[in-house]
Amino acid sequence: MSEKRLNNTIFLMYLVTSNYCRRHNLSTEDFLTLDEKYEILNYVAECPDVFDSMTNEEMVDEIEQYVSQF
């Protein structure tokens, strides 16, 4: 993975985390607890291209759909 792609993926992970926390009124610690259970950030890292063109709201919707599969 190139450095540019890695930086973009890390930024997308940050956006997903902050937007999810904002919508659900969670702390970062609460989100990380969810991440341990559902591997949300791993999901983002595996398919960053999917998230790259999404709005903040669409990112959260995608994560909610992903989590609902468990």
Protein backbone atom coordinates (compact mmCIF):
# COMPACT_ATOMS: atom_id res chain seq x y z
CA MET A 1 0.00 0.00 0.00
CA SER A 2 1.39 3.37 -0.95
CA GLU A 3 1.89 6.02 1.70
CA LYS A 4 -0.78 8.20 0.11
CA ARG A 5 -3.33 5.37 0.15
CA LEU A 6 -2.42 4.49 3.72
CA ASN A 7 -2.88 8.10 4.82
CA ASN A 8 -6.25 8.23 3.03
CA THR A 9 -7.37 5.02 4.72
CA ILE A 10 -6.36 6.33 8.15
CA PHE A 11 -8.28 9.53 7.46
CA LEU A 12 -11.36 7.54 6.44
CA MET A 13 -11.10 5.54 9.65
CA TYR A 14 -10.98 8.80 11.59
CA LEU A 15 -14.04 10.15 9.73
CA VAL A 16 -16.03 6.99 10.34
CA THR A 17 -15.15 7.03 14.02
CA SER A 18 -15.96 10.68 14.60
CA ASN A 19 -19.18 10.63 12.56
CA TYR A 20 -20.43 7.45 14.18
CA CYS A 21 -19.66 8.84 17.64
CA ARG A 22 -21.43 12.08 16.82
CA ARG A 23 -24.59 10.39 15.52
CA HIS A 24 -24.83 7.99 18.45
CA ASN A 25 -23.52 10.35 21.11
CA LEU A 26 -20.65 8.00 21.96
CA SER A 27 -17.21 8.69 23.32
CA THR A 28 -14.22 7.46 21.38
CA GLU A 29 -13.72 4.83 24.08
CA ASP A 30 -17.29 3.59 23.57
CA PHE A 31 -16.67 3.37 19.84
CA LEU A 32 -13.46 1.43 20.37
CA THR A 33 -15.38 -1.04 22.53
CA LEU A 34 -17.79 -1.56 19.63
CA ASP A 35 -14.84 -1.85 17.29
CA GLU A 36 -13.40 -4.68 19.38
CA LYS A 37 -16.65 -6.59 18.95
CA TYR A 38 -17.44 -5.79 15.30
CA GLU A 39 -14.02 -4.88 13.83
CA ILE A 40 -15.46 -1.74 12.26
CA LEU A 41 -12.11 -0.10 11.55
CA ASN A 42 -10.83 -3.29 9.97
CA TYR A 43 -13.86 -3.23 7.68
CA VAL A 44 -13.01 0.33 6.63
CA ALA A 45 -9.36 -0.60 6.11
CA GLU A 46 -10.31 -3.59 3.93
CA CYS A 47 -12.43 -1.53 1.54
CA PRO A 48 -11.44 2.15 1.76
CA ASP A 49 -12.52 2.75 -1.83
CA VAL A 50 -16.12 2.15 -0.81
CA PHE A 51 -15.95 4.87 1.83
CA ASP A 52 -13.87 7.31 -0.19
CA SER A 53 -16.78 8.76 -2.14
CA MET A 54 -19.37 8.68 0.66
CA THR A 55 -20.73 11.60 2.61
CA ASN A 56 -20.39 11.55 6.39
CA GLU A 57 -23.99 10.38 6.75
CA GLU A 58 -23.53 7.62 4.19
CA MET A 59 -20.44 6.38 6.03
CA VAL A 60 -22.39 6.01 9.26
CA ASP A 61 -25.27 4.33 7.42
CA GLU A 62 -22.81 1.85 5.89
CA ILE A 63 -21.34 1.04 9.30
CA GLU A 64 -24.79 0.63 10.83
CA GLN A 65 -25.69 -1.79 8.05
CA TYR A 66 -22.41 -3.67 8.56
CA VAL A 67 -22.93 -3.94 12.34
CA SER A 68 -26.54 -5.09 11.90
CA GLN A 69 -25.27 -8.21 10.10
CA PHE A 70 -23.94 -9.61 13.39
